[in-house]
Amino acid sequence: LMAAMTFVAFLNHQGLIESVIYKFLPSK
């Protein structure tokens, strides 16, 4: 769990997760 959560903590801090979400959402 420590290893998996560290990966996610980095990606979340970099904003990659948030960017991917909105990339796939349409404008309307």
mmCIF file of all heavy atoms, coordinates in Angstrom:
data_MODEL
# 
_entry.id   MODEL 
# 
loop_
_atom_site.group_PDB 
_atom_site.id 
_atom_site.type_symbol 
_atom_site.label_atom_id 
_atom_site.label_alt_id 
_atom_site.label_comp_id 
_atom_site.label_asym_id 
_atom_site.label_entity_id 
_atom_site.label_seq_id 
_atom_site.pdbx_PDB_ins_code 
_atom_site.Cartn_x 
_atom_site.Cartn_y 
_atom_site.Cartn_z 
_atom_site.occupancy 
_atom_site.B_iso_or_equiv 
_atom_site.pdbx_formal_charge 
_atom_site.auth_seq_id 
_atom_site.auth_comp_id 
_atom_site.auth_asym_id 
_atom_site.auth_atom_id 
_atom_site.pdbx_PDB_model_num 
ATOM 1   N N   . LEU A 1 1  ? 0.828   -1.211 0.000   1.00 0.00 ? 1  LEU A N   1 
ATOM 2   C CA  . LEU A 1 1  ? 0.000   0.000  0.000   1.00 0.00 ? 1  LEU A CA  1 
ATOM 3   C C   . LEU A 1 1  ? 0.861   1.259  0.000   1.00 0.00 ? 1  LEU A C   1 
ATOM 4   O O   . LEU A 1 1  ? 0.539   2.240  -0.675  1.00 0.00 ? 1  LEU A O   1 
ATOM 5   C CB  . LEU A 1 1  ? -0.923  0.000  1.227   1.00 0.00 ? 1  LEU A CB  1 
ATOM 6   C CG  . LEU A 1 1  ? -2.053  -1.025 1.217   1.00 0.00 ? 1  LEU A CG  1 
ATOM 7   C CD1 . LEU A 1 1  ? -2.785  -1.014 2.553   1.00 0.00 ? 1  LEU A CD1 1 
ATOM 8   C CD2 . LEU A 1 1  ? -3.029  -0.737 0.083   1.00 0.00 ? 1  LEU A CD2 1 
ATOM 9   N N   . MET A 1 2  ? 1.955   1.240  0.753   1.00 0.00 ? 2  MET A N   1 
ATOM 10  C CA  . MET A 1 2  ? 2.850   2.400  0.792   1.00 0.00 ? 2  MET A CA  1 
ATOM 11  C C   . MET A 1 2  ? 3.407   2.719  -0.591  1.00 0.00 ? 2  MET A C   1 
ATOM 12  O O   . MET A 1 2  ? 3.437   3.885  -1.019  1.00 0.00 ? 2  MET A O   1 
ATOM 13  C CB  . MET A 1 2  ? 3.985   2.126  1.782   1.00 0.00 ? 2  MET A CB  1 
ATOM 14  C CG  . MET A 1 2  ? 4.972   3.269  1.967   1.00 0.00 ? 2  MET A CG  1 
ATOM 15  S SD  . MET A 1 2  ? 6.353   3.221  0.781   1.00 0.00 ? 2  MET A SD  1 
ATOM 16  C CE  . MET A 1 2  ? 7.191   1.708  1.314   1.00 0.00 ? 2  MET A CE  1 
ATOM 17  N N   . ALA A 1 3  ? 3.818   1.684  -1.316  1.00 0.00 ? 3  ALA A N   1 
ATOM 18  C CA  . ALA A 1 3  ? 4.373   1.892  -2.651  1.00 0.00 ? 3  ALA A CA  1 
ATOM 19  C C   . ALA A 1 3  ? 3.312   2.434  -3.612  1.00 0.00 ? 3  ALA A C   1 
ATOM 20  O O   . ALA A 1 3  ? 3.548   3.395  -4.353  1.00 0.00 ? 3  ALA A O   1 
ATOM 21  C CB  . ALA A 1 3  ? 4.944   0.578  -3.185  1.00 0.00 ? 3  ALA A CB  1 
ATOM 22  N N   . ALA A 1 4  ? 2.123   1.820  -3.605  1.00 0.00 ? 4  ALA A N   1 
ATOM 23  C CA  . ALA A 1 4  ? 1.052   2.245  -4.518  1.00 0.00 ? 4  ALA A CA  1 
ATOM 24  C C   . ALA A 1 4  ? 0.607   3.674  -4.208  1.00 0.00 ? 4  ALA A C   1 
ATOM 25  O O   . ALA A 1 4  ? 0.397   4.491  -5.117  1.00 0.00 ? 4  ALA A O   1 
ATOM 26  C CB  . ALA A 1 4  ? -0.130  1.288  -4.410  1.00 0.00 ? 4  ALA A CB  1 
ATOM 27  N N   . MET A 1 5  ? 0.475   4.001  -2.930  1.00 0.00 ? 5  MET A N   1 
ATOM 28  C CA  . MET A 1 5  ? 0.007   5.335  -2.538  1.00 0.00 ? 5  MET A CA  1 
ATOM 29  C C   . MET A 1 5  ? 1.048   6.409  -2.859  1.00 0.00 ? 5  MET A C   1 
ATOM 30  O O   . MET A 1 5  ? 0.697   7.558  -3.133  1.00 0.00 ? 5  MET A O   1 
ATOM 31  C CB  . MET A 1 5  ? -0.347  5.338  -1.047  1.00 0.00 ? 5  MET A CB  1 
ATOM 32  C CG  . MET A 1 5  ? -1.564  4.468  -0.720  1.00 0.00 ? 5  MET A CG  1 
ATOM 33  S SD  . MET A 1 5  ? -1.804  4.166  1.055   1.00 0.00 ? 5  MET A SD  1 
ATOM 34  C CE  . MET A 1 5  ? -2.488  5.728  1.583   1.00 0.00 ? 5  MET A CE  1 
ATOM 35  N N   . THR A 1 6  ? 2.328   6.050  -2.831  1.00 0.00 ? 6  THR A N   1 
ATOM 36  C CA  . THR A 1 6  ? 3.373   7.028  -3.175  1.00 0.00 ? 6  THR A CA  1 
ATOM 37  C C   . THR A 1 6  ? 3.297   7.397  -4.652  1.00 0.00 ? 6  THR A C   1 
ATOM 38  O O   . THR A 1 6  ? 3.448   8.561  -5.021  1.00 0.00 ? 6  THR A O   1 
ATOM 39  C CB  . THR A 1 6  ? 4.765   6.470  -2.821  1.00 0.00 ? 6  THR A CB  1 
ATOM 40  O OG1 . THR A 1 6  ? 4.805   6.112  -1.444  1.00 0.00 ? 6  THR A OG1 1 
ATOM 41  C CG2 . THR A 1 6  ? 5.840   7.502  -3.100  1.00 0.00 ? 6  THR A CG2 1 
ATOM 42  N N   . PHE A 1 7  ? 3.087   6.397  -5.501  1.00 0.00 ? 7  PHE A N   1 
ATOM 43  C CA  . PHE A 1 7  ? 2.893   6.662  -6.927  1.00 0.00 ? 7  PHE A CA  1 
ATOM 44  C C   . PHE A 1 7  ? 1.753   7.652  -7.134  1.00 0.00 ? 7  PHE A C   1 
ATOM 45  O O   . PHE A 1 7  ? 1.881   8.656  -7.845  1.00 0.00 ? 7  PHE A O   1 
ATOM 46  C CB  . PHE A 1 7  ? 2.574   5.362  -7.673  1.00 0.00 ? 7  PHE A CB  1 
ATOM 47  C CG  . PHE A 1 7  ? 3.759   4.655  -8.236  1.00 0.00 ? 7  PHE A CG  1 
ATOM 48  C CD1 . PHE A 1 7  ? 4.189   3.450  -7.703  1.00 0.00 ? 7  PHE A CD1 1 
ATOM 49  C CD2 . PHE A 1 7  ? 4.456   5.186  -9.310  1.00 0.00 ? 7  PHE A CD2 1 
ATOM 50  C CE1 . PHE A 1 7  ? 5.283   2.785  -8.226  1.00 0.00 ? 7  PHE A CE1 1 
ATOM 51  C CE2 . PHE A 1 7  ? 5.562   4.528  -9.852  1.00 0.00 ? 7  PHE A CE2 1 
ATOM 52  C CZ  . PHE A 1 7  ? 5.972   3.326  -9.309  1.00 0.00 ? 7  PHE A CZ  1 
ATOM 53  N N   . VAL A 1 8  ? 0.603   7.363  -6.525  1.00 0.00 ? 8  VAL A N   1 
ATOM 54  C CA  . VAL A 1 8  ? -0.592  8.188  -6.718  1.00 0.00 ? 8  VAL A CA  1 
ATOM 55  C C   . VAL A 1 8  ? -0.384  9.584  -6.146  1.00 0.00 ? 8  VAL A C   1 
ATOM 56  O O   . VAL A 1 8  ? -0.842  10.582 -6.722  1.00 0.00 ? 8  VAL A O   1 
ATOM 57  C CB  . VAL A 1 8  ? -1.823  7.512  -6.073  1.00 0.00 ? 8  VAL A CB  1 
ATOM 58  C CG1 . VAL A 1 8  ? -3.044  8.424  -6.158  1.00 0.00 ? 8  VAL A CG1 1 
ATOM 59  C CG2 . VAL A 1 8  ? -2.119  6.184  -6.765  1.00 0.00 ? 8  VAL A CG2 1 
ATOM 60  N N   . ALA A 1 9  ? 0.328   9.687  -5.017  1.00 0.00 ? 9  ALA A N   1 
ATOM 61  C CA  . ALA A 1 9  ? 0.594   10.994 -4.419  1.00 0.00 ? 9  ALA A CA  1 
ATOM 62  C C   . ALA A 1 9  ? 1.381   11.879 -5.375  1.00 0.00 ? 9  ALA A C   1 
ATOM 63  O O   . ALA A 1 9  ? 1.097   13.077 -5.523  1.00 0.00 ? 9  ALA A O   1 
ATOM 64  C CB  . ALA A 1 9  ? 1.361   10.820 -3.103  1.00 0.00 ? 9  ALA A CB  1 
ATOM 65  N N   . PHE A 1 10 ? 2.372   11.308 -6.061  1.00 0.00 ? 10 PHE A N   1 
ATOM 66  C CA  . PHE A 1 10 ? 3.159   12.082 -7.025  1.00 0.00 ? 10 PHE A CA  1 
ATOM 67  C C   . PHE A 1 10 ? 2.296   12.527 -8.206  1.00 0.00 ? 10 PHE A C   1 
ATOM 68  O O   . PHE A 1 10 ? 2.317   13.699 -8.601  1.00 0.00 ? 10 PHE A O   1 
ATOM 69  C CB  . PHE A 1 10 ? 4.341   11.253 -7.533  1.00 0.00 ? 10 PHE A CB  1 
ATOM 70  C CG  . PHE A 1 10 ? 5.087   11.915 -8.663  1.00 0.00 ? 10 PHE A CG  1 
ATOM 71  C CD1 . PHE A 1 10 ? 6.041   12.890 -8.406  1.00 0.00 ? 10 PHE A CD1 1 
ATOM 72  C CD2 . PHE A 1 10 ? 4.815   11.591 -9.985  1.00 0.00 ? 10 PHE A CD2 1 
ATOM 73  C CE1 . PHE A 1 10 ? 6.717   13.518 -9.440  1.00 0.00 ? 10 PHE A CE1 1 
ATOM 74  C CE2 . PHE A 1 10 ? 5.474   12.213 -11.023 1.00 0.00 ? 10 PHE A CE2 1 
ATOM 75  C CZ  . PHE A 1 10 ? 6.436   13.175 -10.761 1.00 0.00 ? 10 PHE A CZ  1 
ATOM 76  N N   . LEU A 1 11 ? 1.546   11.592 -8.784  1.00 0.00 ? 11 LEU A N   1 
ATOM 77  C CA  . LEU A 1 11 ? 0.728   11.914 -9.960  1.00 0.00 ? 11 LEU A CA  1 
ATOM 78  C C   . LEU A 1 11 ? -0.342  12.943 -9.621  1.00 0.00 ? 11 LEU A C   1 
ATOM 79  O O   . LEU A 1 11 ? -0.656  13.820 -10.437 1.00 0.00 ? 11 LEU A O   1 
ATOM 80  C CB  . LEU A 1 11 ? 0.083   10.636 -10.507 1.00 0.00 ? 11 LEU A CB  1 
ATOM 81  C CG  . LEU A 1 11 ? 1.061   9.569  -11.025 1.00 0.00 ? 11 LEU A CG  1 
ATOM 82  C CD1 . LEU A 1 11 ? 0.318   8.315  -11.440 1.00 0.00 ? 11 LEU A CD1 1 
ATOM 83  C CD2 . LEU A 1 11 ? 1.872   10.115 -12.201 1.00 0.00 ? 11 LEU A CD2 1 
ATOM 84  N N   . ASN A 1 12 ? -0.892  12.849 -8.428  1.00 0.00 ? 12 ASN A N   1 
ATOM 85  C CA  . ASN A 1 12 ? -1.913  13.817 -8.004  1.00 0.00 ? 12 ASN A CA  1 
ATOM 86  C C   . ASN A 1 12 ? -1.290  15.193 -7.815  1.00 0.00 ? 12 ASN A C   1 
ATOM 87  O O   . ASN A 1 12 ? -1.873  16.221 -8.191  1.00 0.00 ? 12 ASN A O   1 
ATOM 88  C CB  . ASN A 1 12 ? -2.561  13.337 -6.705  1.00 0.00 ? 12 ASN A CB  1 
ATOM 89  C CG  . ASN A 1 12 ? -3.947  13.913 -6.498  1.00 0.00 ? 12 ASN A CG  1 
ATOM 90  O OD1 . ASN A 1 12 ? -4.677  14.167 -7.452  1.00 0.00 ? 12 ASN A OD1 1 
ATOM 91  N ND2 . ASN A 1 12 ? -4.307  14.122 -5.250  1.00 0.00 ? 12 ASN A ND2 1 
ATOM 92  N N   . HIS A 1 13 ? -0.092  15.236 -7.229  1.00 0.00 ? 13 HIS A N   1 
ATOM 93  C CA  . HIS A 1 13 ? 0.604   16.511 -7.017  1.00 0.00 ? 13 HIS A CA  1 
ATOM 94  C C   . HIS A 1 13 ? 0.959   17.180 -8.341  1.00 0.00 ? 13 HIS A C   1 
ATOM 95  O O   . HIS A 1 13 ? 0.899   18.399 -8.467  1.00 0.00 ? 13 HIS A O   1 
ATOM 96  C CB  . HIS A 1 13 ? 1.877   16.265 -6.199  1.00 0.00 ? 13 HIS A CB  1 
ATOM 97  C CG  . HIS A 1 13 ? 2.718   17.489 -6.011  1.00 0.00 ? 13 HIS A CG  1 
ATOM 98  N ND1 . HIS A 1 13 ? 2.395   18.471 -5.105  1.00 0.00 ? 13 HIS A ND1 1 
ATOM 99  C CD2 . HIS A 1 13 ? 3.867   17.902 -6.624  1.00 0.00 ? 13 HIS A CD2 1 
ATOM 100 C CE1 . HIS A 1 13 ? 3.309   19.436 -5.166  1.00 0.00 ? 13 HIS A CE1 1 
ATOM 101 N NE2 . HIS A 1 13 ? 4.210   19.104 -6.072  1.00 0.00 ? 13 HIS A NE2 1 
ATOM 102 N N   . GLN A 1 14 ? 1.299   16.383 -9.323  1.00 0.00 ? 14 GLN A N   1 
ATOM 103 C CA  . GLN A 1 14 ? 1.655   16.908 -10.640 1.00 0.00 ? 14 GLN A CA  1 
ATOM 104 C C   . GLN A 1 14 ? 0.430   17.390 -11.426 1.00 0.00 ? 14 GLN A C   1 
ATOM 105 O O   . GLN A 1 14 ? 0.579   18.034 -12.457 1.00 0.00 ? 14 GLN A O   1 
ATOM 106 C CB  . GLN A 1 14 ? 2.384   15.830 -11.442 1.00 0.00 ? 14 GLN A CB  1 
ATOM 107 C CG  . GLN A 1 14 ? 3.746   15.458 -10.893 1.00 0.00 ? 14 GLN A CG  1 
ATOM 108 C CD  . GLN A 1 14 ? 4.772   16.555 -11.098 1.00 0.00 ? 14 GLN A CD  1 
ATOM 109 O OE1 . GLN A 1 14 ? 4.875   17.131 -12.166 1.00 0.00 ? 14 GLN A OE1 1 
ATOM 110 N NE2 . GLN A 1 14 ? 5.534   16.854 -10.045 1.00 0.00 ? 14 GLN A NE2 1 
ATOM 111 N N   . GLY A 1 15 ? -0.771  17.057 -10.956 1.00 0.00 ? 15 GLY A N   1 
ATOM 112 C CA  . GLY A 1 15 ? -1.990  17.453 -11.663 1.00 0.00 ? 15 GLY A CA  1 
ATOM 113 C C   . GLY A 1 15 ? -2.329  16.575 -12.844 1.00 0.00 ? 15 GLY A C   1 
ATOM 114 O O   . GLY A 1 15 ? -3.245  16.882 -13.610 1.00 0.00 ? 15 GLY A O   1 
ATOM 115 N N   . LEU A 1 16 ? -1.622  15.453 -12.985 1.00 0.00 ? 16 LEU A N   1 
ATOM 116 C CA  . LEU A 1 16 ? -1.867  14.581 -14.132 1.00 0.00 ? 16 LEU A CA  1 
ATOM 117 C C   . LEU A 1 16 ? -3.243  13.936 -14.066 1.00 0.00 ? 16 LEU A C   1 
ATOM 118 O O   . LEU A 1 16 ? -3.925  13.800 -15.088 1.00 0.00 ? 16 LEU A O   1 
ATOM 119 C CB  . LEU A 1 16 ? -0.793  13.500 -14.201 1.00 0.00 ? 16 LEU A CB  1 
ATOM 120 C CG  . LEU A 1 16 ? 0.540   13.926 -14.815 1.00 0.00 ? 16 LEU A CG  1 
ATOM 121 C CD1 . LEU A 1 16 ? 1.600   12.884 -14.537 1.00 0.00 ? 16 LEU A CD1 1 
ATOM 122 C CD2 . LEU A 1 16 ? 0.388   14.128 -16.313 1.00 0.00 ? 16 LEU A CD2 1 
ATOM 123 N N   . ILE A 1 17 ? -3.647  13.535 -12.867 1.00 0.00 ? 17 ILE A N   1 
ATOM 124 C CA  . ILE A 1 17 ? -4.948  12.878 -12.724 1.00 0.00 ? 17 ILE A CA  1 
ATOM 125 C C   . ILE A 1 17 ? -6.073  13.839 -13.089 1.00 0.00 ? 17 ILE A C   1 
ATOM 126 O O   . ILE A 1 17 ? -6.996  13.507 -13.854 1.00 0.00 ? 17 ILE A O   1 
ATOM 127 C CB  . ILE A 1 17 ? -5.119  12.358 -11.283 1.00 0.00 ? 17 ILE A CB  1 
ATOM 128 C CG1 . ILE A 1 17 ? -4.064  11.282 -10.988 1.00 0.00 ? 17 ILE A CG1 1 
ATOM 129 C CG2 . ILE A 1 17 ? -6.521  11.798 -11.077 1.00 0.00 ? 17 ILE A CG2 1 
ATOM 130 C CD1 . ILE A 1 17 ? -4.034  10.813 -9.554  1.00 0.00 ? 17 ILE A CD1 1 
ATOM 131 N N   . GLU A 1 18 ? -5.996  15.058 -12.557 1.00 0.00 ? 18 GLU A N   1 
ATOM 132 C CA  . GLU A 1 18 ? -7.013  16.072 -12.843 1.00 0.00 ? 18 GLU A CA  1 
ATOM 133 C C   . GLU A 1 18 ? -7.052  16.398 -14.335 1.00 0.00 ? 18 GLU A C   1 
ATOM 134 O O   . GLU A 1 18 ? -8.122  16.544 -14.931 1.00 0.00 ? 18 GLU A O   1 
ATOM 135 C CB  . GLU A 1 18 ? -6.721  17.333 -12.030 1.00 0.00 ? 18 GLU A CB  1 
ATOM 136 C CG  . GLU A 1 18 ? -7.782  18.414 -12.161 1.00 0.00 ? 18 GLU A CG  1 
ATOM 137 C CD  . GLU A 1 18 ? -7.407  19.670 -11.383 1.00 0.00 ? 18 GLU A CD  1 
ATOM 138 O OE1 . GLU A 1 18 ? -6.238  19.778 -10.962 1.00 0.00 ? 18 GLU A OE1 1 
ATOM 139 O OE2 . GLU A 1 18 ? -8.275  20.536 -11.205 1.00 0.00 ? 18 GLU A OE2 1 
ATOM 140 N N   . SER A 1 19 ? -5.895  16.505 -14.950 1.00 0.00 ? 19 SER A N   1 
ATOM 141 C CA  . SER A 1 19 ? -5.827  16.840 -16.375 1.00 0.00 ? 19 SER A CA  1 
ATOM 142 C C   . SER A 1 19 ? -6.461  15.757 -17.236 1.00 0.00 ? 19 SER A C   1 
ATOM 143 O O   . SER A 1 19 ? -7.182  16.042 -18.193 1.00 0.00 ? 19 SER A O   1 
ATOM 144 C CB  . SER A 1 19 ? -4.368  17.040 -16.796 1.00 0.00 ? 19 SER A CB  1 
ATOM 145 O OG  . SER A 1 19 ? -3.784  18.112 -16.093 1.00 0.00 ? 19 SER A OG  1 
ATOM 146 N N   . VAL A 1 20 ? -6.197  14.501 -16.884 1.00 0.00 ? 20 VAL A N   1 
ATOM 147 C CA  . VAL A 1 20 ? -6.759  13.389 -17.648 1.00 0.00 ? 20 VAL A CA  1 
ATOM 148 C C   . VAL A 1 20 ? -8.282  13.384 -17.551 1.00 0.00 ? 20 VAL A C   1 
ATOM 149 O O   . VAL A 1 20 ? -8.988  13.129 -18.532 1.00 0.00 ? 20 VAL A O   1 
ATOM 150 C CB  . VAL A 1 20 ? -6.174  12.046 -17.153 1.00 0.00 ? 20 VAL A CB  1 
ATOM 151 C CG1 . VAL A 1 20 ? -6.938  10.874 -17.751 1.00 0.00 ? 20 VAL A CG1 1 
ATOM 152 C CG2 . VAL A 1 20 ? -4.702  11.959 -17.503 1.00 0.00 ? 20 VAL A CG2 1 
ATOM 153 N N   . ILE A 1 21 ? -8.800  13.676 -16.353 1.00 0.00 ? 21 ILE A N   1 
ATOM 154 C CA  . ILE A 1 21 ? -10.259 13.707 -16.173 1.00 0.00 ? 21 ILE A CA  1 
ATOM 155 C C   . ILE A 1 21 ? -10.896 14.697 -17.141 1.00 0.00 ? 21 ILE A C   1 
ATOM 156 O O   . ILE A 1 21 ? -11.823 14.361 -17.896 1.00 0.00 ? 21 ILE A O   1 
ATOM 157 C CB  . ILE A 1 21 ? -10.616 14.095 -14.720 1.00 0.00 ? 21 ILE A CB  1 
ATOM 158 C CG1 . ILE A 1 21 ? -10.162 13.008 -13.742 1.00 0.00 ? 21 ILE A CG1 1 
ATOM 159 C CG2 . ILE A 1 21 ? -12.121 14.324 -14.586 1.00 0.00 ? 21 ILE A CG2 1 
ATOM 160 C CD1 . ILE A 1 21 ? -10.329 13.407 -12.293 1.00 0.00 ? 21 ILE A CD1 1 
ATOM 161 N N   . TYR A 1 22 ? -10.423 15.939 -17.118 1.00 0.00 ? 22 TYR A N   1 
ATOM 162 C CA  . TYR A 1 22 ? -11.056 16.986 -17.930 1.00 0.00 ? 22 TYR A CA  1 
ATOM 163 C C   . TYR A 1 22 ? -10.752 16.838 -19.410 1.00 0.00 ? 22 TYR A C   1 
ATOM 164 O O   . TYR A 1 22 ? -11.474 17.364 -20.250 1.00 0.00 ? 22 TYR A O   1 
ATOM 165 C CB  . TYR A 1 22 ? -10.624 18.362 -17.417 1.00 0.00 ? 22 TYR A CB  1 
ATOM 166 C CG  . TYR A 1 22 ? -11.321 18.741 -16.133 1.00 0.00 ? 22 TYR A CG  1 
ATOM 167 C CD1 . TYR A 1 22 ? -10.676 18.620 -14.903 1.00 0.00 ? 22 TYR A CD1 1 
ATOM 168 C CD2 . TYR A 1 22 ? -12.639 19.206 -16.144 1.00 0.00 ? 22 TYR A CD2 1 
ATOM 169 C CE1 . TYR A 1 22 ? -11.313 18.949 -13.719 1.00 0.00 ? 22 TYR A CE1 1 
ATOM 170 C CE2 . TYR A 1 22 ? -13.280 19.541 -14.964 1.00 0.00 ? 22 TYR A CE2 1 
ATOM 171 C CZ  . TYR A 1 22 ? -12.619 19.418 -13.755 1.00 0.00 ? 22 TYR A CZ  1 
ATOM 172 O OH  . TYR A 1 22 ? -13.259 19.736 -12.588 1.00 0.00 ? 22 TYR A OH  1 
ATOM 173 N N   . LYS A 1 23 ? -9.696  16.112 -19.720 1.00 0.00 ? 23 LYS A N   1 
ATOM 174 C CA  . LYS A 1 23 ? -9.366  15.896 -21.127 1.00 0.00 ? 23 LYS A CA  1 
ATOM 175 C C   . LYS A 1 23 ? -10.442 15.055 -21.815 1.00 0.00 ? 23 LYS A C   1 
ATOM 176 O O   . LYS A 1 23 ? -10.740 15.230 -23.007 1.00 0.00 ? 23 LYS A O   1 
ATOM 177 C CB  . LYS A 1 23 ? -8.005  15.212 -21.238 1.00 0.00 ? 23 LYS A CB  1 
ATOM 178 C CG  . LYS A 1 23 ? -7.440  15.180 -22.660 1.00 0.00 ? 23 LYS A CG  1 
ATOM 179 C CD  . LYS A 1 23 ? -6.058  14.599 -22.669 1.00 0.00 ? 23 LYS A CD  1 
ATOM 180 C CE  . LYS A 1 23 ? -5.433  14.645 -24.051 1.00 0.00 ? 23 LYS A CE  1 
ATOM 181 N NZ  . LYS A 1 23 ? -5.234  15.997 -24.562 1.00 0.00 ? 23 LYS A NZ  1 
ATOM 182 N N   . PHE A 1 24 ? -11.038 14.140 -21.067 1.00 0.00 ? 24 PHE A N   1 
ATOM 183 C CA  . PHE A 1 24 ? -12.036 13.241 -21.642 1.00 0.00 ? 24 PHE A CA  1 
ATOM 184 C C   . PHE A 1 24 ? -13.471 13.749 -21.469 1.00 0.00 ? 24 PHE A C   1 
ATOM 185 O O   . PHE A 1 24 ? -14.402 13.157 -22.015 1.00 0.00 ? 24 PHE A O   1 
ATOM 186 C CB  . PHE A 1 24 ? -11.906 11.849 -21.021 1.00 0.00 ? 24 PHE A CB  1 
ATOM 187 C CG  . PHE A 1 24 ? -10.695 11.099 -21.502 1.00 0.00 ? 24 PHE A CG  1 
ATOM 188 C CD1 . PHE A 1 24 ? -9.519  11.110 -20.775 1.00 0.00 ? 24 PHE A CD1 1 
ATOM 189 C CD2 . PHE A 1 24 ? -10.722 10.396 -22.699 1.00 0.00 ? 24 PHE A CD2 1 
ATOM 190 C CE1 . PHE A 1 24 ? -8.399  10.423 -21.220 1.00 0.00 ? 24 PHE A CE1 1 
ATOM 191 C CE2 . PHE A 1 24 ? -9.614  9.713  -23.156 1.00 0.00 ? 24 PHE A CE2 1 
ATOM 192 C CZ  . PHE A 1 24 ? -8.443  9.729  -22.408 1.00 0.00 ? 24 PHE A CZ  1 
ATOM 193 N N   . LEU A 1 25 ? -13.647 14.822 -20.713 1.00 0.00 ? 25 LEU A N   1 
ATOM 194 C CA  . LEU A 1 25 ? -14.990 15.381 -20.549 1.00 0.00 ? 25 LEU A CA  1 
ATOM 195 C C   . LEU A 1 25 ? -15.292 16.356 -21.683 1.00 0.00 ? 25 LEU A C   1 
ATOM 196 O O   . LEU A 1 25 ? -14.466 17.217 -21.999 1.00 0.00 ? 25 LEU A O   1 
ATOM 197 C CB  . LEU A 1 25 ? -15.110 16.109 -19.206 1.00 0.00 ? 25 LEU A CB  1 
ATOM 198 C CG  . LEU A 1 25 ? -15.183 15.245 -17.945 1.00 0.00 ? 25 LEU A CG  1 
ATOM 199 C CD1 . LEU A 1 25 ? -15.248 16.139 -16.713 1.00 0.00 ? 25 LEU A CD1 1 
ATOM 200 C CD2 . LEU A 1 25 ? -16.397 14.330 -17.985 1.00 0.00 ? 25 LEU A CD2 1 
ATOM 201 N N   . PRO A 1 26 ? -16.469 16.258 -22.309 1.00 0.00 ? 26 PRO A N   1 
ATOM 202 C CA  . PRO A 1 26 ? -16.841 17.216 -23.360 1.00 0.00 ? 26 PRO A CA  1 
ATOM 203 C C   . PRO A 1 26 ? -17.154 18.579 -22.759 1.00 0.00 ? 26 PRO A C   1 
ATOM 204 O O   . PRO A 1 26 ? -17.413 18.699 -21.558 1.00 0.00 ? 26 PRO A O   1 
ATOM 205 C CB  . PRO A 1 26 ? -18.091 16.583 -23.983 1.00 0.00 ? 26 PRO A CB  1 
ATOM 206 C CG  . PRO A 1 26 ? -18.658 15.729 -22.894 1.00 0.00 ? 26 PRO A CG  1 
ATOM 207 C CD  . PRO A 1 26 ? -17.490 15.222 -22.107 1.00 0.00 ? 26 PRO A CD  1 
ATOM 208 N N   . SER A 1 27 ? -17.125 19.617 -23.591 1.00 0.00 ? 27 SER A N   1 
ATOM 209 C CA  . SER A 1 27 ? -17.396 20.970 -23.088 1.00 0.00 ? 27 SER A CA  1 
ATOM 210 C C   . SER A 1 27 ? -18.863 21.127 -22.674 1.00 0.00 ? 27 SER A C   1 
ATOM 211 O O   . SER A 1 27 ? -19.173 21.888 -21.766 1.00 0.00 ? 27 SER A O   1 
ATOM 212 C CB  . SER A 1 27 ? -17.049 22.012 -24.156 1.00 0.00 ? 27 SER A CB  1 
ATOM 213 O OG  . SER A 1 27 ? -17.765 21.741 -25.356 1.00 0.00 ? 27 SER A OG  1 
ATOM 214 N N   . LYS A 1 28 ? -19.760 20.396 -23.335 1.00 0.00 ? 28 LYS A N   1 
ATOM 215 C CA  . LYS A 1 28 ? -21.177 20.393 -22.971 1.00 0.00 ? 28 LYS A CA  1 
ATOM 216 C C   . LYS A 1 28 ? -21.647 18.946 -22.868 1.00 0.00 ? 28 LYS A C   1 
ATOM 217 O O   . LYS A 1 28 ? -21.356 18.131 -23.743 1.00 0.00 ? 28 LYS A O   1 
ATOM 218 C CB  . LYS A 1 28 ? -22.020 21.135 -24.011 1.00 0.00 ? 28 LYS A CB  1 
ATOM 219 C CG  . LYS A 1 28 ? -21.876 22.644 -23.983 1.00 0.00 ? 28 LYS A CG  1 
ATOM 220 C CD  . LYS A 1 28 ? -22.867 23.298 -24.931 1.00 0.00 ? 28 LYS A CD  1 
ATOM 221 C CE  . LYS A 1 28 ? -22.742 24.825 -24.891 1.00 0.00 ? 28 LYS A CE  1 
ATOM 222 N NZ  . LYS A 1 28 ? -23.720 25.478 -25.791 1.00 0.00 ? 28 LYS A NZ  1 
# 
